[in-house]
Amino acid sequence: MKALITRILTPLSLTVLLLAGVAAAQYEQRTFKVTTPFEFSVSDKVFPAGDYTVVRTTPSRLELRDSQGRVLAQVITHSVESRTAPRFSKLAFSTADGGHALIQVWLENERIGYELAPPKTATMAARQQTHGTVPVTPGRQQVQTFFHCK
């Protein structure tokens, strides 16, 4: 009798574990469109004002796409929590010395947002300025700008 139970429970347990892994691998992508009225940077890349799509592809990864759907940037994020869920999706930018750096993404009706890595250090920003990036220098006055999305 014990052998029969073991023969039934072992394959059943393995099947449940495999199906749980498949279920966890499925993740709903969230997408929203945004029109930015100013040039901004994401990681080490600078993007002109214009129409973009932000896509949450996994719990900790975001993509920035152009109006044709091409991936322009992929970023790893960490979560940040708000007391209330925003009614609209929004982007938060850190602004200093005339440059804007994307620092947070908030999806509508979600209390958990996505925070990007902080801007590069002043030395790295100065070095990259010749390559077309918009530096946000730590230590200077930084203003956080929230930009509501469509």
Protein backbone atom coordinates (compact mmCIF):
# COMPACT_ATOMS: atom_id res chain seq x y z
CA MET A 1 0.00 0.00 0.00
CA LYS A 2 2.85 2.41 0.87
CA ALA A 3 4.54 1.66 -2.43
CA LEU A 4 1.31 2.48 -4.30
CA ILE A 5 0.94 5.81 -2.50
CA THR A 6 4.59 6.65 -3.14
CA ARG A 7 4.21 5.80 -6.87
CA ILE A 8 1.19 8.12 -7.13
CA LEU A 9 2.35 11.01 -4.94
CA THR A 10 5.85 11.35 -6.38
CA PRO A 11 4.80 12.06 -10.00
CA LEU A 12 1.88 14.17 -8.78
CA SER A 13 4.17 16.31 -6.61
CA LEU A 14 6.63 16.81 -9.47
CA THR A 15 3.81 17.84 -11.80
CA VAL A 16 2.52 20.41 -9.32
CA LEU A 17 6.01 21.88 -8.90
CA LEU A 18 6.55 22.12 -12.67
CA LEU A 19 3.17 23.76 -13.22
CA ALA A 20 3.86 26.26 -10.44
CA GLY A 21 7.07 27.28 -12.22
CA VAL A 22 5.24 27.76 -15.51
CA ALA A 23 2.54 29.84 -13.83
CA ALA A 24 5.16 32.09 -12.22
CA ALA A 25 6.92 32.57 -15.57
CA GLN A 26 3.79 34.11 -17.07
CA TYR A 27 3.71 37.82 -16.33
CA GLU A 28 1.34 40.45 -17.62
CA GLN A 29 3.05 43.22 -19.52
CA ARG A 30 1.80 46.72 -18.79
CA THR A 31 2.18 49.41 -21.43
CA PHE A 32 1.48 53.12 -21.57
CA LYS A 33 2.27 55.91 -23.98
CA VAL A 34 3.90 59.18 -23.04
CA THR A 35 4.81 62.39 -24.86
CA THR A 36 7.74 64.14 -23.21
CA PRO A 37 8.08 67.85 -23.91
CA PHE A 38 11.82 67.86 -23.12
CA GLU A 39 15.03 65.92 -23.74
CA PHE A 40 15.74 63.34 -21.03
CA SER A 41 18.19 60.60 -20.13
CA VAL A 42 17.69 56.99 -19.14
CA SER A 43 20.82 55.28 -17.80
CA ASP A 44 23.59 56.49 -20.11
CA LYS A 45 21.40 57.38 -23.12
CA VAL A 46 19.74 60.66 -24.04
CA PHE A 47 16.41 60.83 -25.84
CA PRO A 48 14.83 63.84 -27.55
CA ALA A 49 11.40 65.20 -26.69
CA GLY A 50 8.73 63.10 -28.37
CA ASP A 51 6.39 60.12 -28.21
CA TYR A 52 7.46 56.99 -26.35
CA THR A 53 5.98 53.82 -24.93
CA VAL A 54 7.00 52.45 -21.54
CA VAL A 55 6.58 48.69 -21.14
CA ARG A 56 6.89 46.69 -17.92
CA THR A 57 8.16 43.34 -19.19
CA THR A 58 8.94 41.65 -15.85
CA PRO A 59 8.51 42.66 -12.21
CA SER A 60 11.85 44.48 -12.27
CA ARG A 61 12.47 45.36 -15.93
CA LEU A 62 11.18 48.24 -18.02
CA GLU A 63 11.63 49.01 -21.69
CA LEU A 64 11.49 52.39 -23.40
CA ARG A 65 10.24 52.10 -26.98
CA ASP A 66 9.93 54.63 -29.78
CA SER A 67 6.71 55.37 -31.68
CA GLN A 68 7.45 52.46 -34.08
CA GLY A 69 7.77 49.99 -31.19
CA ARG A 70 11.56 49.61 -31.37
CA VAL A 71 13.27 49.05 -28.02
CA LEU A 72 15.49 52.03 -27.21
CA ALA A 73 16.47 51.15 -23.64
CA GLN A 74 15.99 48.29 -21.18
CA VAL A 75 16.49 49.02 -17.49
CA ILE A 76 16.54 46.94 -14.36
CA THR A 77 14.61 48.63 -11.56
CA HIS A 78 13.91 48.12 -7.91
CA SER A 79 10.54 48.66 -6.32
CA VAL A 80 9.41 51.68 -4.37
CA GLU A 81 6.10 51.92 -2.51
CA SER A 82 3.60 54.75 -2.19
CA ARG A 83 0.84 55.14 0.38
CA THR A 84 -1.72 55.65 -2.37
CA ALA A 85 -1.93 54.32 -5.90
CA PRO A 86 -1.77 57.03 -8.58
CA ARG A 87 -4.90 57.54 -10.68
CA PHE A 88 -2.76 57.93 -13.81
CA SER A 89 0.56 56.46 -14.91
CA LYS A 90 3.37 58.92 -14.43
CA LEU A 91 7.09 59.38 -14.84
CA ALA A 92 9.31 61.12 -12.29
CA PHE A 93 12.40 62.99 -13.48
CA SER A 94 15.29 64.39 -11.53
CA THR A 95 16.13 67.82 -12.90
CA ALA A 96 19.43 69.62 -12.44
CA ASP A 97 21.53 71.98 -14.55
CA GLY A 98 18.90 71.95 -17.31
CA GLY A 99 18.97 68.17 -17.76
CA HIS A 100 16.23 65.67 -16.95
CA ALA A 101 16.91 62.08 -15.88
CA LEU A 102 14.14 59.49 -15.57
CA ILE A 103 14.23 58.17 -12.01
CA GLN A 104 10.81 56.58 -11.35
CA VAL A 105 7.90 55.05 -13.24
CA TRP A 106 4.46 54.70 -11.65
CA LEU A 107 1.66 52.70 -13.25
CA GLU A 108 -1.93 53.75 -12.68
CA ASN A 109 -3.71 52.07 -9.79
CA GLU A 110 -0.51 50.39 -8.50
CA ARG A 111 1.08 51.34 -5.16
CA ILE A 112 4.38 49.75 -6.15
CA GLY A 113 6.47 51.87 -8.51
CA TYR A 114 9.74 51.31 -10.32
CA GLU A 115 12.89 53.20 -9.42
CA LEU A 116 15.81 53.39 -11.81
CA ALA A 117 19.46 53.52 -10.82
CA PRO A 118 20.54 56.99 -9.70
CA PRO A 119 22.24 59.25 -12.25
CA LYS A 120 25.96 58.78 -12.84
CA THR A 121 28.53 60.55 -10.68
CA ALA A 122 29.74 63.98 -11.72
CA THR A 123 32.95 62.53 -13.16
CA MET A 124 31.13 59.98 -15.30
CA ALA A 125 28.55 62.57 -16.37
CA ALA A 126 31.26 65.03 -17.43
CA ARG A 127 33.02 62.29 -19.41
CA GLN A 128 29.79 61.25 -21.12
CA GLN A 129 28.67 64.80 -21.88
CA THR A 130 30.78 64.72 -25.04
CA HIS A 131 28.84 61.64 -26.14
CA GLY A 132 25.47 63.39 -26.03
CA THR A 133 24.22 62.53 -22.56
CA VAL A 134 22.46 64.91 -20.24
CA PRO A 135 24.26 64.73 -16.90
CA VAL A 136 22.47 65.14 -13.60
CA THR A 137 25.18 66.08 -11.17
CA PRO A 138 24.83 64.78 -7.59
CA GLY A 139 25.16 67.42 -4.90
CA ARG A 140 23.48 70.15 -6.92
CA GLN A 141 19.87 71.21 -6.44
CA GLN A 142 17.70 68.45 -7.89
CA VAL A 143 14.00 68.92 -8.43
CA GLN A 144 11.72 65.96 -8.86
CA THR A 145 9.25 66.52 -11.70
CA PHE A 146 6.24 64.27 -12.12
CA PHE A 147 4.87 63.95 -15.62
CA HIS A 148 1.43 62.39 -16.11
CA CYS A 149 1.01 59.98 -19.02
CA LYS A 150 -1.78 59.02 -21.37
